[in-house]
All heavy atoms as atom14 arrays in JSON, in Angstrom:
{
  "sequence": "VALPADFELQSHPSVWDIDPAGSIVLISPVQGLTVTAATTSKGNEITV",
  "atom14_mask": [
    [1, 1, 1, 1, 1, 1, 1, 0, 0, 0, 0, 0, 0, 0],
    [1, 1, 1, 1, 1, 0, 0, 0, 0, 0, 0, 0, 0, 0],
    [1, 1, 1, 1, 1, 1, 1, 1, 0, 0, 0, 0, 0, 0],
    [1, 1, 1, 1, 1, 1, 1, 0, 0, 0, 0, 0, 0, 0],
    [1, 1, 1, 1, 1, 0, 0, 0, 0, 0, 0, 0, 0, 0],
    [1, 1, 1, 1, 1, 1, 1, 1, 0, 0, 0, 0, 0, 0],
    [1, 1, 1, 1, 1, 1, 1, 1, 1, 1, 1, 0, 0, 0],
    [1, 1, 1, 1, 1, 1, 1, 1, 1, 0, 0, 0, 0, 0],
    [1, 1, 1, 1, 1, 1, 1, 1, 0, 0, 0, 0, 0, 0],
    [1, 1, 1, 1, 1, 1, 1, 1, 1, 0, 0, 0, 0, 0],
    [1, 1, 1, 1, 1, 1, 0, 0, 0, 0, 0, 0, 0, 0],
    [1, 1, 1, 1, 1, 1, 1, 1, 1, 1, 0, 0, 0, 0],
    [1, 1, 1, 1, 1, 1, 1, 0, 0, 0, 0, 0, 0, 0],
    [1, 1, 1, 1, 1, 1, 0, 0, 0, 0, 0, 0, 0, 0],
    [1, 1, 1, 1, 1, 1, 1, 0, 0, 0, 0, 0, 0, 0],
    [1, 1, 1, 1, 1, 1, 1, 1, 1, 1, 1, 1, 1, 1],
    [1, 1, 1, 1, 1, 1, 1, 1, 0, 0, 0, 0, 0, 0],
    [1, 1, 1, 1, 1, 1, 1, 1, 0, 0, 0, 0, 0, 0],
    [1, 1, 1, 1, 1, 1, 1, 1, 0, 0, 0, 0, 0, 0],
    [1, 1, 1, 1, 1, 1, 1, 0, 0, 0, 0, 0, 0, 0],
    [1, 1, 1, 1, 1, 0, 0, 0, 0, 0, 0, 0, 0, 0],
    [1, 1, 1, 1, 0, 0, 0, 0, 0, 0, 0, 0, 0, 0],
    [1, 1, 1, 1, 1, 1, 0, 0, 0, 0, 0, 0, 0, 0],
    [1, 1, 1, 1, 1, 1, 1, 1, 0, 0, 0, 0, 0, 0],
    [1, 1, 1, 1, 1, 1, 1, 0, 0, 0, 0, 0, 0, 0],
    [1, 1, 1, 1, 1, 1, 1, 1, 0, 0, 0, 0, 0, 0],
    [1, 1, 1, 1, 1, 1, 1, 1, 0, 0, 0, 0, 0, 0],
    [1, 1, 1, 1, 1, 1, 0, 0, 0, 0, 0, 0, 0, 0],
    [1, 1, 1, 1, 1, 1, 1, 0, 0, 0, 0, 0, 0, 0],
    [1, 1, 1, 1, 1, 1, 1, 0, 0, 0, 0, 0, 0, 0],
    [1, 1, 1, 1, 1, 1, 1, 1, 1, 0, 0, 0, 0, 0],
    [1, 1, 1, 1, 0, 0, 0, 0, 0, 0, 0, 0, 0, 0],
    [1, 1, 1, 1, 1, 1, 1, 1, 0, 0, 0, 0, 0, 0],
    [1, 1, 1, 1, 1, 1, 1, 0, 0, 0, 0, 0, 0, 0],
    [1, 1, 1, 1, 1, 1, 1, 0, 0, 0, 0, 0, 0, 0],
    [1, 1, 1, 1, 1, 1, 1, 0, 0, 0, 0, 0, 0, 0],
    [1, 1, 1, 1, 1, 0, 0, 0, 0, 0, 0, 0, 0, 0],
    [1, 1, 1, 1, 1, 0, 0, 0, 0, 0, 0, 0, 0, 0],
    [1, 1, 1, 1, 1, 1, 1, 0, 0, 0, 0, 0, 0, 0],
    [1, 1, 1, 1, 1, 1, 1, 0, 0, 0, 0, 0, 0, 0],
    [1, 1, 1, 1, 1, 1, 0, 0, 0, 0, 0, 0, 0, 0],
    [1, 1, 1, 1, 1, 1, 1, 1, 1, 0, 0, 0, 0, 0],
    [1, 1, 1, 1, 0, 0, 0, 0, 0, 0, 0, 0, 0, 0],
    [1, 1, 1, 1, 1, 1, 1, 1, 0, 0, 0, 0, 0, 0],
    [1, 1, 1, 1, 1, 1, 1, 1, 1, 0, 0, 0, 0, 0],
    [1, 1, 1, 1, 1, 1, 1, 1, 0, 0, 0, 0, 0, 0],
    [1, 1, 1, 1, 1, 1, 1, 0, 0, 0, 0, 0, 0, 0],
    [1, 1, 1, 1, 1, 1, 1, 0, 0, 0, 0, 0, 0, 0]
  ],
  "atom14_positions": [
    [[-3.68, -2.8, -14.02], [-2.59, -1.86, -14.28], [-1.78, -2.36, -15.47], [-1.24, -3.47, -15.43], [-1.67, -1.68, -13.05], [-0.58, -0.66, -13.35], [-2.49, -1.26, -11.84], [0.0, 0.0, 0.0], [0.0, 0.0, 0.0], [0.0, 0.0, 0.0], [0.0, 0.0, 0.0], [0.0, 0.0, 0.0], [0.0, 0.0, 0.0], [0.0, 0.0, 0.0]],
    [[-1.72, -1.57, -16.53], [-0.96, -1.93, -17.72], [0.42, -1.29, -17.64], [0.54, -0.07, -17.45], [-1.68, -1.46, -18.98], [0.0, 0.0, 0.0], [0.0, 0.0, 0.0], [0.0, 0.0, 0.0], [0.0, 0.0, 0.0], [0.0, 0.0, 0.0], [0.0, 0.0, 0.0], [0.0, 0.0, 0.0], [0.0, 0.0, 0.0], [0.0, 0.0, 0.0]],
    [[1.47, -2.11, -17.76], [2.85, -1.66, -17.65], [3.57, -1.88, -18.98], [3.07, -2.59, -19.86], [3.57, -2.42, -16.53], [2.94, -2.32, -15.14], [3.59, -3.31, -14.19], [3.08, -0.91, -14.61], [0.0, 0.0, 0.0], [0.0, 0.0, 0.0], [0.0, 0.0, 0.0], [0.0, 0.0, 0.0], [0.0, 0.0, 0.0], [0.0, 0.0, 0.0]],
    [[4.76, -1.3, -19.15], [5.53, -1.55, -20.37], [5.91, -3.03, -20.5], [5.8, -3.81, -19.56], [6.77, -0.66, -20.21], [6.37, 0.38, -19.22], [5.41, -0.3, -18.28], [0.0, 0.0, 0.0], [0.0, 0.0, 0.0], [0.0, 0.0, 0.0], [0.0, 0.0, 0.0], [0.0, 0.0, 0.0], [0.0, 0.0, 0.0], [0.0, 0.0, 0.0]],
    [[6.37, -3.41, -21.69], [6.86, -4.76, -21.98], [5.77, -5.82, -21.79], [6.05, -6.94, -21.37], [8.08, -5.1, -21.11], [0.0, 0.0, 0.0], [0.0, 0.0, 0.0], [0.0, 0.0, 0.0], [0.0, 0.0, 0.0], [0.0, 0.0, 0.0], [0.0, 0.0, 0.0], [0.0, 0.0, 0.0], [0.0, 0.0, 0.0], [0.0, 0.0, 0.0]],
    [[4.53, -5.46, -22.14], [3.41, -6.42, -22.08], [3.18, -6.97, -20.68], [2.75, -8.11, -20.52], [3.63, -7.57, -23.07], [3.53, -7.1, -24.52], [2.74, -6.19, -24.77], [4.23, -7.66, -25.37], [0.0, 0.0, 0.0], [0.0, 0.0, 0.0], [0.0, 0.0, 0.0], [0.0, 0.0, 0.0], [0.0, 0.0, 0.0], [0.0, 0.0, 0.0]],
    [[3.48, -6.17, -19.67], [3.17, -6.53, -18.29], [1.8, -5.96, -17.93], [1.42, -4.88, -18.36], [4.2, -5.95, -17.31], [5.38, -6.83, -17.07], [6.66, -6.45, -17.45], [5.23, -8.06, -16.45], [7.76, -7.26, -17.21], [6.32, -8.87, -16.2], [7.58, -8.47, -16.59], [0.0, 0.0, 0.0], [0.0, 0.0, 0.0], [0.0, 0.0, 0.0]],
    [[1.07, -6.69, -17.08], [-0.19, -6.2, -16.55], [-0.38, -6.76, -15.15], [-0.12, -7.93, -14.9], [-1.36, -6.61, -17.44], [-2.71, -6.06, -16.97], [-3.85, -6.48, -17.86], [-3.57, -7.02, -18.95], [-5.02, -6.29, -17.47], [0.0, 0.0, 0.0], [0.0, 0.0, 0.0], [0.0, 0.0, 0.0], [0.0, 0.0, 0.0], [0.0, 0.0, 0.0]],
    [[-0.83, -5.9, -14.24], [-1.15, -6.32, -12.89], [-2.66, -6.39, -12.74], [-3.37, -5.46, -13.15], [-0.58, -5.34, -11.87], [0.94, -5.25, -11.76], [1.33, -4.14, -10.79], [1.53, -6.57, -11.3], [0.0, 0.0, 0.0], [0.0, 0.0, 0.0], [0.0, 0.0, 0.0], [0.0, 0.0, 0.0], [0.0, 0.0, 0.0], [0.0, 0.0, 0.0]],
    [[-3.14, -7.49, -12.17], [-4.56, -7.64, -11.9], [-4.73, -7.89, -10.41], [-4.11, -8.81, -9.87], [-5.15, -8.81, -12.69], [-5.16, -8.62, -14.19], [-5.79, -9.8, -14.91], [-6.02, -10.85, -14.31], [-6.06, -9.64, -16.19], [0.0, 0.0, 0.0], [0.0, 0.0, 0.0], [0.0, 0.0, 0.0], [0.0, 0.0, 0.0], [0.0, 0.0, 0.0]],
    [[-5.55, -7.08, -9.75], [-5.79, -7.28, -8.32], [-7.25, -7.62, -8.08], [-8.15, -7.13, -8.75], [-5.42, -6.02, -7.54], [-6.28, -4.95, -7.86], [0.0, 0.0, 0.0], [0.0, 0.0, 0.0], [0.0, 0.0, 0.0], [0.0, 0.0, 0.0], [0.0, 0.0, 0.0], [0.0, 0.0, 0.0], [0.0, 0.0, 0.0], [0.0, 0.0, 0.0]],
    [[-7.46, -8.49, -7.09], [-8.81, -8.86, -6.7], [-9.39, -7.76, -5.81], [-8.66, -6.9, -5.3], [-8.79, -10.19, -5.94], [-8.17, -11.31, -6.7], [-8.44, -11.54, -8.03], [-7.25, -12.27, -6.34], [-7.76, -12.58, -8.45], [-7.01, -13.04, -7.45], [0.0, 0.0, 0.0], [0.0, 0.0, 0.0], [0.0, 0.0, 0.0], [0.0, 0.0, 0.0]],
    [[-10.71, -7.73, -5.62], [-11.29, -6.75, -4.7], [-10.63, -6.84, -3.32], [-10.36, -7.94, -2.82], [-12.77, -7.17, -4.64], [-13.02, -7.82, -5.97], [-11.74, -8.54, -6.29], [0.0, 0.0, 0.0], [0.0, 0.0, 0.0], [0.0, 0.0, 0.0], [0.0, 0.0, 0.0], [0.0, 0.0, 0.0], [0.0, 0.0, 0.0], [0.0, 0.0, 0.0]],
    [[-10.38, -5.7, -2.71], [-9.66, -5.68, -1.44], [-10.25, -4.61, -0.52], [-10.91, -3.67, -0.98], [-8.17, -5.41, -1.65], [-7.98, -4.18, -2.33], [0.0, 0.0, 0.0], [0.0, 0.0, 0.0], [0.0, 0.0, 0.0], [0.0, 0.0, 0.0], [0.0, 0.0, 0.0], [0.0, 0.0, 0.0], [0.0, 0.0, 0.0], [0.0, 0.0, 0.0]],
    [[-9.99, -4.77, 0.78], [-10.45, -3.82, 1.8], [-9.24, -3.39, 2.61], [-8.44, -4.23, 3.05], [-11.52, -4.45, 2.71], [-11.96, -3.45, 3.77], [-12.72, -4.92, 1.88], [0.0, 0.0, 0.0], [0.0, 0.0, 0.0], [0.0, 0.0, 0.0], [0.0, 0.0, 0.0], [0.0, 0.0, 0.0], [0.0, 0.0, 0.0], [0.0, 0.0, 0.0]],
    [[-9.12, -2.07, 2.84], [-7.98, -1.51, 3.54], [-8.46, -0.6, 4.67], [-9.44, 0.12, 4.51], [-7.1, -0.68, 2.61], [-6.64, -1.41, 1.4], [-7.37, -1.75, 0.3], [-5.31, -1.88, 1.14], [-6.6, -2.41, -0.63], [-5.33, -2.51, -0.14], [-4.11, -1.83, 1.85], [-4.19, -3.07, -0.7], [-2.98, -2.39, 1.29], [-3.03, -3.01, 0.04]],
    [[-7.75, -0.64, 5.81], [-8.0, 0.29, 6.91], [-6.94, 1.37, 6.9], [-5.73, 1.07, 6.77], [-8.0, -0.44, 8.26], [-9.36, -1.02, 8.6], [-10.32, -0.74, 7.85], [-9.46, -1.76, 9.59], [0.0, 0.0, 0.0], [0.0, 0.0, 0.0], [0.0, 0.0, 0.0], [0.0, 0.0, 0.0], [0.0, 0.0, 0.0], [0.0, 0.0, 0.0]],
    [[-7.38, 2.63, 7.04], [-6.46, 3.76, 7.04], [-6.43, 4.38, 8.42], [-7.46, 4.78, 8.96], [-6.88, 4.82, 5.99], [-6.91, 4.2, 4.6], [-5.93, 6.0, 6.02], [-7.34, 5.18, 3.52], [0.0, 0.0, 0.0], [0.0, 0.0, 0.0], [0.0, 0.0, 0.0], [0.0, 0.0, 0.0], [0.0, 0.0, 0.0], [0.0, 0.0, 0.0]],
    [[-5.23, 4.45, 8.97], [-5.05, 5.02, 10.3], [-4.66, 6.5, 10.15], [-3.86, 6.85, 9.29], [-3.93, 4.28, 11.04], [-3.85, 4.69, 12.5], [-3.47, 5.84, 12.74], [-4.17, 3.86, 13.36], [0.0, 0.0, 0.0], [0.0, 0.0, 0.0], [0.0, 0.0, 0.0], [0.0, 0.0, 0.0], [0.0, 0.0, 0.0], [0.0, 0.0, 0.0]],
    [[-5.22, 7.39, 10.98], [-4.84, 8.81, 10.89], [-3.35, 9.05, 11.04], [-2.83, 10.05, 10.56], [-5.63, 9.46, 12.03], [-6.78, 8.53, 12.29], [-6.25, 7.16, 12.02], [0.0, 0.0, 0.0], [0.0, 0.0, 0.0], [0.0, 0.0, 0.0], [0.0, 0.0, 0.0], [0.0, 0.0, 0.0], [0.0, 0.0, 0.0], [0.0, 0.0, 0.0]],
    [[-2.66, 8.12, 11.71], [-1.21, 8.29, 11.9], [-0.44, 8.08, 10.61], [0.75, 8.4, 10.53], [-0.72, 7.32, 12.96], [0.0, 0.0, 0.0], [0.0, 0.0, 0.0], [0.0, 0.0, 0.0], [0.0, 0.0, 0.0], [0.0, 0.0, 0.0], [0.0, 0.0, 0.0], [0.0, 0.0, 0.0], [0.0, 0.0, 0.0], [0.0, 0.0, 0.0]],
    [[-1.08, 7.51, 9.58], [-0.42, 7.37, 8.29], [-0.15, 5.96, 7.84], [0.71, 5.75, 6.99], [0.0, 0.0, 0.0], [0.0, 0.0, 0.0], [0.0, 0.0, 0.0], [0.0, 0.0, 0.0], [0.0, 0.0, 0.0], [0.0, 0.0, 0.0], [0.0, 0.0, 0.0], [0.0, 0.0, 0.0], [0.0, 0.0, 0.0], [0.0, 0.0, 0.0]],
    [[-0.86, 4.98, 8.37], [-0.64, 3.6, 7.94], [-1.88, 3.07, 7.21], [-3.01, 3.45, 7.52], [-0.32, 2.69, 9.14], [-1.44, 2.61, 10.01], [0.0, 0.0, 0.0], [0.0, 0.0, 0.0], [0.0, 0.0, 0.0], [0.0, 0.0, 0.0], [0.0, 0.0, 0.0], [0.0, 0.0, 0.0], [0.0, 0.0, 0.0], [0.0, 0.0, 0.0]],
    [[-1.64, 2.22, 6.24], [-2.7, 1.55, 5.48], [-2.49, 0.06, 5.65], [-1.41, -0.46, 5.33], [-2.66, 1.95, 4.0], [-2.75, 3.47, 3.84], [-3.79, 1.28, 3.23], [-2.61, 3.94, 2.4], [0.0, 0.0, 0.0], [0.0, 0.0, 0.0], [0.0, 0.0, 0.0], [0.0, 0.0, 0.0], [0.0, 0.0, 0.0], [0.0, 0.0, 0.0]],
    [[-3.51, -0.65, 6.13], [-3.39, -2.07, 6.44], [-4.39, -2.85, 5.59], [-5.58, -2.51, 5.56], [-3.64, -2.34, 7.93], [-3.48, -3.82, 8.24], [-2.7, -1.52, 8.79], [0.0, 0.0, 0.0], [0.0, 0.0, 0.0], [0.0, 0.0, 0.0], [0.0, 0.0, 0.0], [0.0, 0.0, 0.0], [0.0, 0.0, 0.0], [0.0, 0.0, 0.0]],
    [[-3.89, -3.89, 4.91], [-4.76, -4.75, 4.12], [-5.57, -5.66, 5.04], [-5.01, -6.36, 5.88], [-3.92, -5.59, 3.15], [-4.67, -6.6, 2.27], [-5.62, -5.88, 1.32], [-3.67, -7.45, 1.48], [0.0, 0.0, 0.0], [0.0, 0.0, 0.0], [0.0, 0.0, 0.0], [0.0, 0.0, 0.0], [0.0, 0.0, 0.0], [0.0, 0.0, 0.0]],
    [[-6.89, -5.64, 4.88], [-7.78, -6.44, 5.72], [-8.34, -7.65, 4.97], [-8.48, -8.73, 5.52], [-8.94, -5.57, 6.22], [-8.41, -4.38, 7.02], [-9.91, -6.38, 7.09], [-7.59, -4.78, 8.22], [0.0, 0.0, 0.0], [0.0, 0.0, 0.0], [0.0, 0.0, 0.0], [0.0, 0.0, 0.0], [0.0, 0.0, 0.0], [0.0, 0.0, 0.0]],
    [[-8.65, -7.49, 3.69], [-9.27, -8.54, 2.9], [-8.82, -8.36, 1.44], [-8.56, -7.23, 1.02], [-10.8, -8.43, 3.02], [-11.45, -9.35, 2.18], [0.0, 0.0, 0.0], [0.0, 0.0, 0.0], [0.0, 0.0, 0.0], [0.0, 0.0, 0.0], [0.0, 0.0, 0.0], [0.0, 0.0, 0.0], [0.0, 0.0, 0.0], [0.0, 0.0, 0.0]],
    [[-8.69, -9.45, 0.67], [-9.09, -10.84, 0.92], [-8.09, -11.64, 1.77], [-8.38, -12.74, 2.2], [-9.16, -11.43, -0.48], [-8.11, -10.69, -1.24], [-8.17, -9.28, -0.71], [0.0, 0.0, 0.0], [0.0, 0.0, 0.0], [0.0, 0.0, 0.0], [0.0, 0.0, 0.0], [0.0, 0.0, 0.0], [0.0, 0.0, 0.0], [0.0, 0.0, 0.0]],
    [[-6.91, -11.07, 1.99], [-5.91, -11.7, 2.84], [-5.29, -10.61, 3.71], [-5.52, -9.41, 3.5], [-4.81, -12.41, 2.02], [-5.38, -13.6, 1.28], [-4.14, -11.43, 1.06], [0.0, 0.0, 0.0], [0.0, 0.0, 0.0], [0.0, 0.0, 0.0], [0.0, 0.0, 0.0], [0.0, 0.0, 0.0], [0.0, 0.0, 0.0], [0.0, 0.0, 0.0]],
    [[-4.51, -11.02, 4.68], [-3.79, -10.06, 5.5], [-2.29, -10.29, 5.35], [-1.86, -11.32, 4.84], [-4.21, -10.2, 6.96], [-5.68, -9.88, 7.2], [-6.08, -9.97, 8.65], [-5.27, -10.25, 9.52], [-7.36, -9.72, 8.93], [0.0, 0.0, 0.0], [0.0, 0.0, 0.0], [0.0, 0.0, 0.0], [0.0, 0.0, 0.0], [0.0, 0.0, 0.0]],
    [[-1.52, -9.32, 5.79], [-0.07, -9.48, 5.71], [0.62, -8.37, 4.96], [1.8, -8.48, 4.62], [0.0, 0.0, 0.0], [0.0, 0.0, 0.0], [0.0, 0.0, 0.0], [0.0, 0.0, 0.0], [0.0, 0.0, 0.0], [0.0, 0.0, 0.0], [0.0, 0.0, 0.0], [0.0, 0.0, 0.0], [0.0, 0.0, 0.0], [0.0, 0.0, 0.0]],
    [[-0.08, -7.25, 4.69], [0.54, -6.13, 3.96], [0.2, -4.83, 4.67], [-0.96, -4.53, 4.94], [0.04, -6.09, 2.52], [0.64, -5.0, 1.62], [2.16, -5.18, 1.5], [-0.01, -5.01, 0.25], [0.0, 0.0, 0.0], [0.0, 0.0, 0.0], [0.0, 0.0, 0.0], [0.0, 0.0, 0.0], [0.0, 0.0, 0.0], [0.0, 0.0, 0.0]],
    [[1.24, -4.04, 4.97], [1.08, -2.75, 5.63], [1.91, -1.7, 4.91], [3.08, -1.94, 4.59], [1.52, -2.82, 7.11], [0.77, -3.83, 7.78], [1.3, -1.49, 7.79], [0.0, 0.0, 0.0], [0.0, 0.0, 0.0], [0.0, 0.0, 0.0], [0.0, 0.0, 0.0], [0.0, 0.0, 0.0], [0.0, 0.0, 0.0], [0.0, 0.0, 0.0]],
    [[1.29, -0.55, 4.66], [1.99, 0.58, 4.06], [1.95, 1.73, 5.06], [0.87, 2.13, 5.51], [1.34, 1.01, 2.73], [2.11, 2.17, 2.12], [1.27, -0.16, 1.76], [0.0, 0.0, 0.0], [0.0, 0.0, 0.0], [0.0, 0.0, 0.0], [0.0, 0.0, 0.0], [0.0, 0.0, 0.0], [0.0, 0.0, 0.0], [0.0, 0.0, 0.0]],
    [[3.13, 2.26, 5.41], [3.22, 3.33, 6.4], [3.89, 4.55, 5.79], [4.95, 4.42, 5.15], [4.02, 2.87, 7.64], [3.42, 1.7, 8.17], [4.02, 3.95, 8.71], [0.0, 0.0, 0.0], [0.0, 0.0, 0.0], [0.0, 0.0, 0.0], [0.0, 0.0, 0.0], [0.0, 0.0, 0.0], [0.0, 0.0, 0.0], [0.0, 0.0, 0.0]],
    [[3.27, 5.7, 5.97], [3.84, 6.96, 5.48], [4.14, 7.85, 6.68], [3.34, 7.94, 7.62], [2.88, 7.66, 4.53], [0.0, 0.0, 0.0], [0.0, 0.0, 0.0], [0.0, 0.0, 0.0], [0.0, 0.0, 0.0], [0.0, 0.0, 0.0], [0.0, 0.0, 0.0], [0.0, 0.0, 0.0], [0.0, 0.0, 0.0], [0.0, 0.0, 0.0]],
    [[5.29, 8.51, 6.63], [5.69, 9.38, 7.74], [6.58, 10.5, 7.21], [7.16, 10.39, 6.13], [6.41, 8.58, 8.82], [0.0, 0.0, 0.0], [0.0, 0.0, 0.0], [0.0, 0.0, 0.0], [0.0, 0.0, 0.0], [0.0, 0.0, 0.0], [0.0, 0.0, 0.0], [0.0, 0.0, 0.0], [0.0, 0.0, 0.0], [0.0, 0.0, 0.0]],
    [[6.68, 11.56, 7.99], [7.57, 12.67, 7.67], [8.67, 12.71, 8.72], [8.41, 12.82, 9.92], [6.81, 14.0, 7.65], [5.77, 13.94, 6.69], [7.75, 15.14, 7.29], [0.0, 0.0, 0.0], [0.0, 0.0, 0.0], [0.0, 0.0, 0.0], [0.0, 0.0, 0.0], [0.0, 0.0, 0.0], [0.0, 0.0, 0.0], [0.0, 0.0, 0.0]],
    [[9.92, 12.57, 8.26], [11.07, 12.56, 9.16], [12.03, 13.67, 8.78], [11.77, 14.47, 7.88], [11.8, 11.2, 9.07], [12.4, 11.07, 7.77], [10.82, 10.05, 9.26], [0.0, 0.0, 0.0], [0.0, 0.0, 0.0], [0.0, 0.0, 0.0], [0.0, 0.0, 0.0], [0.0, 0.0, 0.0], [0.0, 0.0, 0.0], [0.0, 0.0, 0.0]],
    [[13.16, 13.71, 9.48], [14.19, 14.71, 9.17], [14.78, 14.5, 7.79], [15.37, 15.42, 7.22], [15.3, 14.66, 10.23], [15.88, 13.35, 10.26], [0.0, 0.0, 0.0], [0.0, 0.0, 0.0], [0.0, 0.0, 0.0], [0.0, 0.0, 0.0], [0.0, 0.0, 0.0], [0.0, 0.0, 0.0], [0.0, 0.0, 0.0], [0.0, 0.0, 0.0]],
    [[14.63, 13.28, 7.26], [15.14, 12.99, 5.92], [14.11, 13.24, 4.84], [14.35, 12.97, 3.68], [15.59, 11.52, 5.86], [16.73, 11.18, 6.8], [17.12, 9.72, 6.68], [18.28, 9.38, 7.61], [18.69, 7.96, 7.51], [0.0, 0.0, 0.0], [0.0, 0.0, 0.0], [0.0, 0.0, 0.0], [0.0, 0.0, 0.0], [0.0, 0.0, 0.0]],
    [[12.94, 13.73, 5.2], [11.89, 14.0, 4.23], [10.74, 13.03, 4.39], [10.48, 12.51, 5.49], [0.0, 0.0, 0.0], [0.0, 0.0, 0.0], [0.0, 0.0, 0.0], [0.0, 0.0, 0.0], [0.0, 0.0, 0.0], [0.0, 0.0, 0.0], [0.0, 0.0, 0.0], [0.0, 0.0, 0.0], [0.0, 0.0, 0.0], [0.0, 0.0, 0.0]],
    [[10.04, 12.78, 3.33], [8.93, 11.85, 3.35], [9.45, 10.41, 3.31], [10.39, 10.11, 2.58], [7.99, 12.09, 2.18], [7.35, 13.48, 2.22], [7.01, 13.94, 3.29], [7.22, 14.12, 1.08], [0.0, 0.0, 0.0], [0.0, 0.0, 0.0], [0.0, 0.0, 0.0], [0.0, 0.0, 0.0], [0.0, 0.0, 0.0], [0.0, 0.0, 0.0]],
    [[8.82, 9.55, 4.08], [9.26, 8.17, 4.15], [8.05, 7.25, 3.99], [7.03, 7.41, 4.66], [9.95, 7.89, 5.48], [10.49, 6.48, 5.63], [11.18, 6.26, 6.96], [12.31, 6.79, 7.13], [10.59, 5.58, 7.82], [0.0, 0.0, 0.0], [0.0, 0.0, 0.0], [0.0, 0.0, 0.0], [0.0, 0.0, 0.0], [0.0, 0.0, 0.0]],
    [[8.17, 6.27, 3.09], [7.13, 5.28, 2.87], [7.74, 3.89, 3.06], [8.78, 3.58, 2.48], [6.54, 5.39, 1.46], [5.87, 6.76, 1.27], [5.51, 4.28, 1.21], [5.33, 6.98, -0.13], [0.0, 0.0, 0.0], [0.0, 0.0, 0.0], [0.0, 0.0, 0.0], [0.0, 0.0, 0.0], [0.0, 0.0, 0.0], [0.0, 0.0, 0.0]],
    [[7.09, 3.07, 3.87], [7.56, 1.72, 4.15], [6.47, 0.72, 3.81], [5.32, 0.89, 4.22], [7.97, 1.55, 5.62], [8.96, 2.53, 5.95], [8.54, 0.15, 5.87], [0.0, 0.0, 0.0], [0.0, 0.0, 0.0], [0.0, 0.0, 0.0], [0.0, 0.0, 0.0], [0.0, 0.0, 0.0], [0.0, 0.0, 0.0], [0.0, 0.0, 0.0]],
    [[6.84, -0.3, 3.06], [5.91, -1.37, 2.7], [6.42, -2.66, 3.32], [7.56, -3.06, 3.06], [5.79, -1.53, 1.16], [4.81, -2.65, 0.81], [5.35, -0.22, 0.52], [0.0, 0.0, 0.0], [0.0, 0.0, 0.0], [0.0, 0.0, 0.0], [0.0, 0.0, 0.0], [0.0, 0.0, 0.0], [0.0, 0.0, 0.0], [0.0, 0.0, 0.0]]
  ]
}
């Protein structure tokens, strides 16, 4: 990912599990990251 100000993000190959309820969980190469999407009274909500 190329960003402004000469920033660049490089990610290693990864594996993610997607739950129908709206969560994405990192499985490989490491664990410890979860992304959850939901619809609430306040609108769309994303939690990392």
